[in-house]
Amino acid sequence: MGRMPVFSPMIDRSARPGNFLGPSLRERSGFRLGVLGGWLERQMIREALEKTGFNQTQAAGLLGLGERMLRYKLKKYGFK
């Protein structure tokens, strides 16, 4: 048998991977995950605290966080 031909597709190496699918969601809408993520996280913490009567240990459990991480986030977001 002879050698099998080697498949070598032509790839434009100058193209960025994100460009294959067109503009990203951020480019189309101005969406920024960091801003929304912080807002959403604050809301989830506030709701967990309200549901637990502001018991941090129970709120951390509801959120799937350790108590130290919850305390860090409370400080980060300026909860009193």
PDB file of N, CA and C in Angstrom:
ATOM      1  N   MET A   1       0.827  -1.173   0.000  1.00  0.00           N
ATOM      2  CA  MET A   1       0.000   0.000   0.000  1.00  0.00           C
ATOM      3  C   MET A   1       0.876   1.243   0.000  1.00  0.00           C
ATOM      4  N   GLY A   2       0.342   2.302  -0.614  1.00  0.00           N
ATOM      5  CA  GLY A   2       1.069   3.565  -0.653  1.00  0.00           C
ATOM      6  C   GLY A   2       0.793   4.407   0.592  1.00  0.00           C
ATOM      7  N   ARG A   3       1.445   5.515   0.670  1.00  0.00           N
ATOM      8  CA  ARG A   3       1.244   6.424   1.805  1.00  0.00           C
ATOM      9  C   ARG A   3      -0.117   7.095   1.733  1.00  0.00           C
ATOM     10  N   MET A   4      -0.705   7.304   2.878  1.00  0.00           N
ATOM     11  CA  MET A   4      -1.971   8.022   2.963  1.00  0.00           C
ATOM     12  C   MET A   4      -1.679   9.514   2.850  1.00  0.00           C
ATOM     13  N   PRO A   5      -2.496  10.246   2.128  1.00  0.00           N
ATOM     14  CA  PRO A   5      -2.278  11.685   2.053  1.00  0.00           C
ATOM     15  C   PRO A   5      -2.521  12.328   3.420  1.00  0.00           C
ATOM     16  N   VAL A   6      -1.721  13.316   3.723  1.00  0.00           N
ATOM     17  CA  VAL A   6      -1.864  14.026   5.007  1.00  0.00           C
ATOM     18  C   VAL A   6      -2.840  15.167   4.805  1.00  0.00           C
ATOM     19  N   PHE A   7      -3.868  15.196   5.659  1.00  0.00           N
ATOM     20  CA  PHE A   7      -4.858  16.266   5.595  1.00  0.00           C
ATOM     21  C   PHE A   7      -4.295  17.489   6.288  1.00  0.00           C
ATOM     22  N   SER A   8      -4.234  18.582   5.607  1.00  0.00           N
ATOM     23  CA  SER A   8      -3.691  19.816   6.165  1.00  0.00           C
ATOM     24  C   SER A   8      -4.586  20.973   5.760  1.00  0.00           C
ATOM     25  N   PRO A   9      -5.603  21.278   6.578  1.00  0.00           N
ATOM     26  CA  PRO A   9      -6.504  22.367   6.213  1.00  0.00           C
ATOM     27  C   PRO A   9      -5.782  23.710   6.254  1.00  0.00           C
ATOM     28  N   MET A  10      -6.205  24.602   5.409  1.00  0.00           N
ATOM     29  CA  MET A  10      -5.620  25.930   5.374  1.00  0.00           C
ATOM     30  C   MET A  10      -6.268  26.764   6.484  1.00  0.00           C
ATOM     31  N   ILE A  11      -5.471  27.263   7.373  1.00  0.00           N
ATOM     32  CA  ILE A  11      -5.968  28.059   8.492  1.00  0.00           C
ATOM     33  C   ILE A  11      -5.327  29.435   8.430  1.00  0.00           C
ATOM     34  N   ASP A  12      -6.148  30.441   8.531  1.00  0.00           N
ATOM     35  CA  ASP A  12      -5.643  31.810   8.590  1.00  0.00           C
ATOM     36  C   ASP A  12      -5.160  32.056  10.017  1.00  0.00           C
ATOM     37  N   ARG A  13      -3.872  32.015  10.222  1.00  0.00           N
ATOM     38  CA  ARG A  13      -3.304  32.156  11.567  1.00  0.00           C
ATOM     39  C   ARG A  13      -3.489  33.553  12.152  1.00  0.00           C
ATOM     40  N   SER A  14      -3.821  34.528  11.340  1.00  0.00           N
ATOM     41  CA  SER A  14      -3.994  35.881  11.857  1.00  0.00           C
ATOM     42  C   SER A  14      -5.375  36.078  12.484  1.00  0.00           C
ATOM     43  N   ALA A  15      -6.300  35.165  12.219  1.00  0.00           N
ATOM     44  CA  ALA A  15      -7.651  35.303  12.767  1.00  0.00           C
ATOM     45  C   ALA A  15      -7.652  34.894  14.233  1.00  0.00           C
ATOM     46  N   ARG A  16      -8.317  35.676  15.045  1.00  0.00           N
ATOM     47  CA  ARG A  16      -8.461  35.327  16.460  1.00  0.00           C
ATOM     48  C   ARG A  16      -9.608  34.339  16.610  1.00  0.00           C
ATOM     49  N   PRO A  17      -9.520  33.418  17.566  1.00  0.00           N
ATOM     50  CA  PRO A  17     -10.585  32.423  17.723  1.00  0.00           C
ATOM     51  C   PRO A  17     -11.969  33.031  17.916  1.00  0.00           C
ATOM     52  N   GLY A  18     -12.075  34.130  18.642  1.00  0.00           N
ATOM     53  CA  GLY A  18     -13.372  34.735  18.881  1.00  0.00           C
ATOM     54  C   GLY A  18     -14.022  35.282  17.628  1.00  0.00           C
ATOM     55  N   ASN A  19     -13.246  35.539  16.605  1.00  0.00           N
ATOM     56  CA  ASN A  19     -13.793  36.124  15.379  1.00  0.00           C
ATOM     57  C   ASN A  19     -14.530  35.116  14.512  1.00  0.00           C
ATOM     58  N   PHE A  20     -14.377  33.832  14.752  1.00  0.00           N
ATOM     59  CA  PHE A  20     -15.051  32.827  13.946  1.00  0.00           C
ATOM     60  C   PHE A  20     -16.561  32.876  14.134  1.00  0.00           C
ATOM     61  N   LEU A  21     -17.000  33.299  15.314  1.00  0.00           N
ATOM     62  CA  LEU A  21     -18.431  33.329  15.605  1.00  0.00           C
ATOM     63  C   LEU A  21     -19.015  34.727  15.493  1.00  0.00           C
ATOM     64  N   GLY A  22     -18.235  35.671  15.038  1.00  0.00           N
ATOM     65  CA  GLY A  22     -18.724  37.041  14.922  1.00  0.00           C
ATOM     66  C   GLY A  22     -18.461  37.807  16.202  1.00  0.00           C
ATOM     67  N   PRO A  23     -19.040  38.990  16.333  1.00  0.00           N
ATOM     68  CA  PRO A  23     -18.793  39.809  17.517  1.00  0.00           C
ATOM     69  C   PRO A  23     -19.298  39.125  18.779  1.00  0.00           C
ATOM     70  N   SER A  24     -18.596  39.338  19.863  1.00  0.00           N
ATOM     71  CA  SER A  24     -18.986  38.719  21.131  1.00  0.00           C
ATOM     72  C   SER A  24     -20.209  39.421  21.708  1.00  0.00           C
ATOM     73  N   LEU A  25     -20.805  38.800  22.712  1.00  0.00           N
ATOM     74  CA  LEU A  25     -21.951  39.394  23.395  1.00  0.00           C
ATOM     75  C   LEU A  25     -21.563  40.745  23.977  1.00  0.00           C
ATOM     76  N   ARG A  26     -20.376  40.835  24.538  1.00  0.00           N
ATOM     77  CA  ARG A  26     -19.927  42.091  25.124  1.00  0.00           C
ATOM     78  C   ARG A  26     -19.814  43.185  24.056  1.00  0.00           C
ATOM     79  N   GLU A  27     -19.285  42.837  22.900  1.00  0.00           N
ATOM     80  CA  GLU A  27     -19.142  43.818  21.824  1.00  0.00           C
ATOM     81  C   GLU A  27     -20.507  44.265  21.298  1.00  0.00           C
ATOM     82  N   ARG A  28     -21.475  43.360  21.255  1.00  0.00           N
ATOM     83  CA  ARG A  28     -22.795  43.692  20.721  1.00  0.00           C
ATOM     84  C   ARG A  28     -23.639  44.498  21.699  1.00  0.00           C
ATOM     85  N   SER A  29     -23.515  44.206  23.001  1.00  0.00           N
ATOM     86  CA  SER A  29     -24.456  44.790  23.954  1.00  0.00           C
ATOM     87  C   SER A  29     -23.818  45.673  25.017  1.00  0.00           C
ATOM     88  N   GLY A  30     -22.507  45.667  25.126  1.00  0.00           N
ATOM     89  CA  GLY A  30     -21.867  46.420  26.195  1.00  0.00           C
ATOM     90  C   GLY A  30     -21.945  45.692  27.531  1.00  0.00           C
ATOM     91  N   PHE A  31     -22.405  44.440  27.534  1.00  0.00           N
ATOM     92  CA  PHE A  31     -22.542  43.622  28.736  1.00  0.00           C
ATOM     93  C   PHE A  31     -21.189  43.388  29.389  1.00  0.00           C
ATOM     94  N   ARG A  32     -21.122  43.583  30.706  1.00  0.00           N
ATOM     95  CA  ARG A  32     -19.882  43.317  31.434  1.00  0.00           C
ATOM     96  C   ARG A  32     -20.185  42.401  32.603  1.00  0.00           C
ATOM     97  N   LEU A  33     -19.665  41.184  32.567  1.00  0.00           N
ATOM     98  CA  LEU A  33     -19.956  40.185  33.587  1.00  0.00           C
ATOM     99  C   LEU A  33     -19.523  40.650  34.965  1.00  0.00           C
ATOM    100  N   GLY A  34     -18.404  41.316  35.086  1.00  0.00           N
ATOM    101  CA  GLY A  34     -17.929  41.761  36.390  1.00  0.00           C
ATOM    102  C   GLY A  34     -18.943  42.620  37.108  1.00  0.00           C
ATOM    103  N   VAL A  35     -19.580  43.531  36.394  1.00  0.00           N
ATOM    104  CA  VAL A  35     -20.569  44.418  37.005  1.00  0.00           C
ATOM    105  C   VAL A  35     -21.817  43.635  37.378  1.00  0.00           C
ATOM    106  N   LEU A  36     -22.352  42.870  36.444  1.00  0.00           N
ATOM    107  CA  LEU A  36     -23.558  42.091  36.714  1.00  0.00           C
ATOM    108  C   LEU A  36     -23.283  41.024  37.756  1.00  0.00           C
ATOM    109  N   GLY A  37     -22.129  40.373  37.663  1.00  0.00           N
ATOM    110  CA  GLY A  37     -21.791  39.325  38.617  1.00  0.00           C
ATOM    111  C   GLY A  37     -21.750  39.855  40.036  1.00  0.00           C
ATOM    112  N   GLY A  38     -21.177  41.047  40.235  1.00  0.00           N
ATOM    113  CA  GLY A  38     -21.118  41.651  41.563  1.00  0.00           C
ATOM    114  C   GLY A  38     -22.499  41.999  42.081  1.00  0.00           C
ATOM    115  N   TRP A  39     -23.326  42.554  41.210  1.00  0.00           N
ATOM    116  CA  TRP A  39     -24.687  42.908  41.610  1.00  0.00           C
ATOM    117  C   TRP A  39     -25.467  41.663  41.996  1.00  0.00           C
ATOM    118  N   LEU A  40     -25.367  40.630  41.173  1.00  0.00           N
ATOM    119  CA  LEU A  40     -26.089  39.389  41.428  1.00  0.00           C
ATOM    120  C   LEU A  40     -25.607  38.739  42.724  1.00  0.00           C
ATOM    121  N   GLU A  41     -24.308  38.745  42.939  1.00  0.00           N
ATOM    122  CA  GLU A  41     -23.763  38.155  44.158  1.00  0.00           C
ATOM    123  C   GLU A  41     -24.265  38.903  45.395  1.00  0.00           C
ATOM    124  N   ARG A  42     -24.286  40.224  45.345  1.00  0.00           N
ATOM    125  CA  ARG A  42     -24.804  41.012  46.480  1.00  0.00           C
ATOM    126  C   ARG A  42     -26.266  40.673  46.755  1.00  0.00           C
ATOM    127  N   GLN A  43     -27.068  40.553  45.685  1.00  0.00           N
ATOM    128  CA  GLN A  43     -28.482  40.221  45.853  1.00  0.00           C
ATOM    129  C   GLN A  43     -28.653  38.852  46.501  1.00  0.00           C
ATOM    130  N   MET A  44     -27.865  37.879  46.053  1.00  0.00           N
ATOM    131  CA  MET A  44     -27.968  36.525  46.610  1.00  0.00           C
ATOM    132  C   MET A  44     -27.580  36.522  48.086  1.00  0.00           C
ATOM    133  N   ILE A  45     -26.540  37.260  48.436  1.00  0.00           N
ATOM    134  CA  ILE A  45     -26.114  37.336  49.838  1.00  0.00           C
ATOM    135  C   ILE A  45     -27.205  37.991  50.675  1.00  0.00           C
ATOM    136  N   ARG A  46     -27.749  39.096  50.185  1.00  0.00           N
ATOM    137  CA  ARG A  46     -28.807  39.808  50.918  1.00  0.00           C
ATOM    138  C   ARG A  46     -30.006  38.883  51.149  1.00  0.00           C
ATOM    139  N   GLU A  47     -30.432  38.166  50.116  1.00  0.00           N
ATOM    140  CA  GLU A  47     -31.582  37.268  50.258  1.00  0.00           C
ATOM    141  C   GLU A  47     -31.291  36.138  51.239  1.00  0.00           C
ATOM    142  N   ALA A  48     -30.102  35.569  51.188  1.00  0.00           N
ATOM    143  CA  ALA A  48     -29.750  34.486  52.109  1.00  0.00           C
ATOM    144  C   ALA A  48     -29.746  34.987  53.547  1.00  0.00           C
ATOM    145  N   LEU A  49     -29.227  36.189  53.752  1.00  0.00           N
ATOM    146  CA  LEU A  49     -29.218  36.753  55.108  1.00  0.00           C
ATOM    147  C   LEU A  49     -30.640  37.003  55.605  1.00  0.00           C
ATOM    148  N   GLU A  50     -31.492  37.531  54.747  1.00  0.00           N
ATOM    149  CA  GLU A  50     -32.888  37.778  55.141  1.00  0.00           C
ATOM    150  C   GLU A  50     -33.612  36.478  55.462  1.00  0.00           C
ATOM    151  N   LYS A  51     -33.401  35.434  54.664  1.00  0.00           N
ATOM    152  CA  LYS A  51     -34.067  34.146  54.885  1.00  0.00           C
ATOM    153  C   LYS A  51     -33.631  33.490  56.188  1.00  0.00           C
ATOM    154  N   THR A  52     -32.404  33.767  56.622  1.00  0.00           N
ATOM    155  CA  THR A  52     -31.867  33.116  57.822  1.00  0.00           C
ATOM    156  C   THR A  52     -31.912  34.025  59.041  1.00  0.00           C
ATOM    157  N   GLY A  53     -32.641  35.130  58.951  1.00  0.00           N
ATOM    158  CA  GLY A  53     -32.694  36.047  60.079  1.00  0.00           C
ATOM    159  C   GLY A  53     -31.331  36.668  60.360  1.00  0.00           C
ATOM    160  N   PHE A  54     -30.543  36.867  59.319  1.00  0.00           N
ATOM    161  CA  PHE A  54     -29.206  37.463  59.377  1.00  0.00           C
ATOM    162  C   PHE A  54     -28.204  36.610  60.150  1.00  0.00           C
ATOM    163  N   ASN A  55     -28.430  35.304  60.128  1.00  0.00           N
ATOM    164  CA  ASN A  55     -27.477  34.363  60.716  1.00  0.00           C
ATOM    165  C   ASN A  55     -26.437  34.036  59.641  1.00  0.00           C
ATOM    166  N   GLN A  56     -25.214  34.497  59.869  1.00  0.00           N
ATOM    167  CA  GLN A  56     -24.176  34.346  58.844  1.00  0.00           C
ATOM    168  C   GLN A  56     -23.802  32.896  58.590  1.00  0.00           C
ATOM    169  N   THR A  57     -23.796  32.069  59.619  1.00  0.00           N
ATOM    170  CA  THR A  57     -23.443  30.657  59.447  1.00  0.00           C
ATOM    171  C   THR A  57     -24.453  29.961  58.544  1.00  0.00           C
ATOM    172  N   GLN A  58     -25.738  30.184  58.809  1.00  0.00           N
ATOM    173  CA  GLN A  58     -26.782  29.568  57.995  1.00  0.00           C
ATOM    174  C   GLN A  58     -26.804  30.150  56.584  1.00  0.00           C
ATOM    175  N   ALA A  59     -26.594  31.455  56.453  1.00  0.00           N
ATOM    176  CA  ALA A  59     -26.571  32.094  55.134  1.00  0.00           C
ATOM    177  C   ALA A  59     -25.430  31.536  54.294  1.00  0.00           C
ATOM    178  N   ALA A  60     -24.272  31.356  54.918  1.00  0.00           N
ATOM    179  CA  ALA A  60     -23.133  30.771  54.196  1.00  0.00           C
ATOM    180  C   ALA A  60     -23.496  29.378  53.692  1.00  0.00           C
ATOM    181  N   GLY A  61     -24.177  28.590  54.520  1.00  0.00           N
ATOM    182  CA  GLY A  61     -24.601  27.254  54.116  1.00  0.00           C
ATOM    183  C   GLY A  61     -25.556  27.293  52.935  1.00  0.00           C
ATOM    184  N   LEU A  62     -26.523  28.228  52.965  1.00  0.00           N
ATOM    185  CA  LEU A  62     -27.464  28.354  51.849  1.00  0.00           C
ATOM    186  C   LEU A  62     -26.749  28.698  50.548  1.00  0.00           C
ATOM    187  N   LEU A  63     -25.716  29.523  50.654  1.00  0.00           N
ATOM    188  CA  LEU A  63     -24.989  29.966  49.471  1.00  0.00           C
ATOM    189  C   LEU A  63     -23.911  28.986  49.017  1.00  0.00           C
ATOM    190  N   GLY A  64     -23.650  27.967  49.833  1.00  0.00           N
ATOM    191  CA  GLY A  64     -22.593  27.016  49.493  1.00  0.00           C
ATOM    192  C   GLY A  64     -21.211  27.598  49.718  1.00  0.00           C
ATOM    193  N   LEU A  65     -21.109  28.530  50.659  1.00  0.00           N
ATOM    194  CA  LEU A  65     -19.833  29.171  50.978  1.00  0.00           C
ATOM    195  C   LEU A  65     -19.401  28.785  52.382  1.00  0.00           C
ATOM    196  N   GLY A  66     -18.123  28.914  52.638  1.00  0.00           N
ATOM    197  CA  GLY A  66     -17.637  28.797  53.994  1.00  0.00           C
ATOM    198  C   GLY A  66     -17.919  30.105  54.726  1.00  0.00           C
ATOM    199  N   GLU A  67     -17.915  30.055  56.057  1.00  0.00           N
ATOM    200  CA  GLU A  67     -18.200  31.261  56.827  1.00  0.00           C
ATOM    201  C   GLU A  67     -17.169  32.357  56.580  1.00  0.00           C
ATOM    202  N   ARG A  68     -15.916  31.982  56.456  1.00  0.00           N
ATOM    203  CA  ARG A  68     -14.868  32.989  56.204  1.00  0.00           C
ATOM    204  C   ARG A  68     -15.065  33.665  54.854  1.00  0.00           C
ATOM    205  N   MET A  69     -15.453  32.914  53.837  1.00  0.00           N
ATOM    206  CA  MET A  69     -15.677  33.503  52.513  1.00  0.00           C
ATOM    207  C   MET A  69     -16.868  34.453  52.551  1.00  0.00           C
ATOM    208  N   LEU A  70     -17.923  34.070  53.272  1.00  0.00           N
ATOM    209  CA  LEU A  70     -19.074  34.959  53.388  1.00  0.00           C
ATOM    210  C   LEU A  70     -18.665  36.246  54.091  1.00  0.00           C
ATOM    211  N   ARG A  71     -17.896  36.148  55.175  1.00  0.00           N
ATOM    212  CA  ARG A  71     -17.446  37.354  55.876  1.00  0.00           C
ATOM    213  C   ARG A  71     -16.607  38.243  54.956  1.00  0.00           C
ATOM    214  N   TYR A  72     -15.762  37.622  54.137  1.00  0.00           N
ATOM    215  CA  TYR A  72     -14.956  38.380  53.181  1.00  0.00           C
ATOM    216  C   TYR A  72     -15.855  39.139  52.205  1.00  0.00           C
ATOM    217  N   LYS A  73     -16.869  38.457  51.693  1.00  0.00           N
ATOM    218  CA  LYS A  73     -17.765  39.083  50.722  1.00  0.00           C
ATOM    219  C   LYS A  73     -18.625  40.168  51.378  1.00  0.00           C
ATOM    220  N   LEU A  74     -19.026  39.953  52.618  1.00  0.00           N
ATOM    221  CA  LEU A  74     -19.780  40.987  53.331  1.00  0.00           C
ATOM    222  C   LEU A  74     -18.949  42.263  53.454  1.00  0.00           C
ATOM    223  N   LYS A  75     -17.689  42.089  53.766  1.00  0.00           N
ATOM    224  CA  LYS A  75     -16.784  43.241  53.879  1.00  0.00           C
ATOM    225  C   LYS A  75     -16.554  43.870  52.498  1.00  0.00           C
ATOM    226  N   LYS A  76     -16.327  43.021  51.492  1.00  0.00           N
ATOM    227  CA  LYS A  76     -16.073  43.492  50.138  1.00  0.00           C
ATOM    228  C   LYS A  76     -17.212  44.358  49.605  1.00  0.00           C
ATOM    229  N   TYR A  77     -18.445  43.937  49.872  1.00  0.00           N
ATOM    230  CA  TYR A  77     -19.608  44.646  49.351  1.00  0.00           C
ATOM    231  C   TYR A  77     -20.175  45.674  50.321  1.00  0.00           C
ATOM    232  N   GLY A  78     -19.533  45.861  51.458  1.00  0.00           N
ATOM    233  CA  GLY A  78     -19.916  46.906  52.386  1.00  0.00           C
ATOM    234  C   GLY A  78     -21.180  46.635  53.187  1.00  0.00           C
ATOM    235  N   PHE A  79     -21.493  45.350  53.440  1.00  0.00           N
ATOM    236  CA  PHE A  79     -22.621  45.021  54.294  1.00  0.00           C
ATOM    237  C   PHE A  79     -22.268  45.406  55.725  1.00  0.00           C
ATOM    238  N   LYS A  80     -23.244  45.871  56.463  1.00  0.00           N
ATOM    239  CA  LYS A  80     -23.018  46.233  57.880  1.00  0.00           C
ATOM    240  C   LYS A  80     -23.696  45.242  58.781  1.00  0.00           C
TER     241      LYS A  80
END
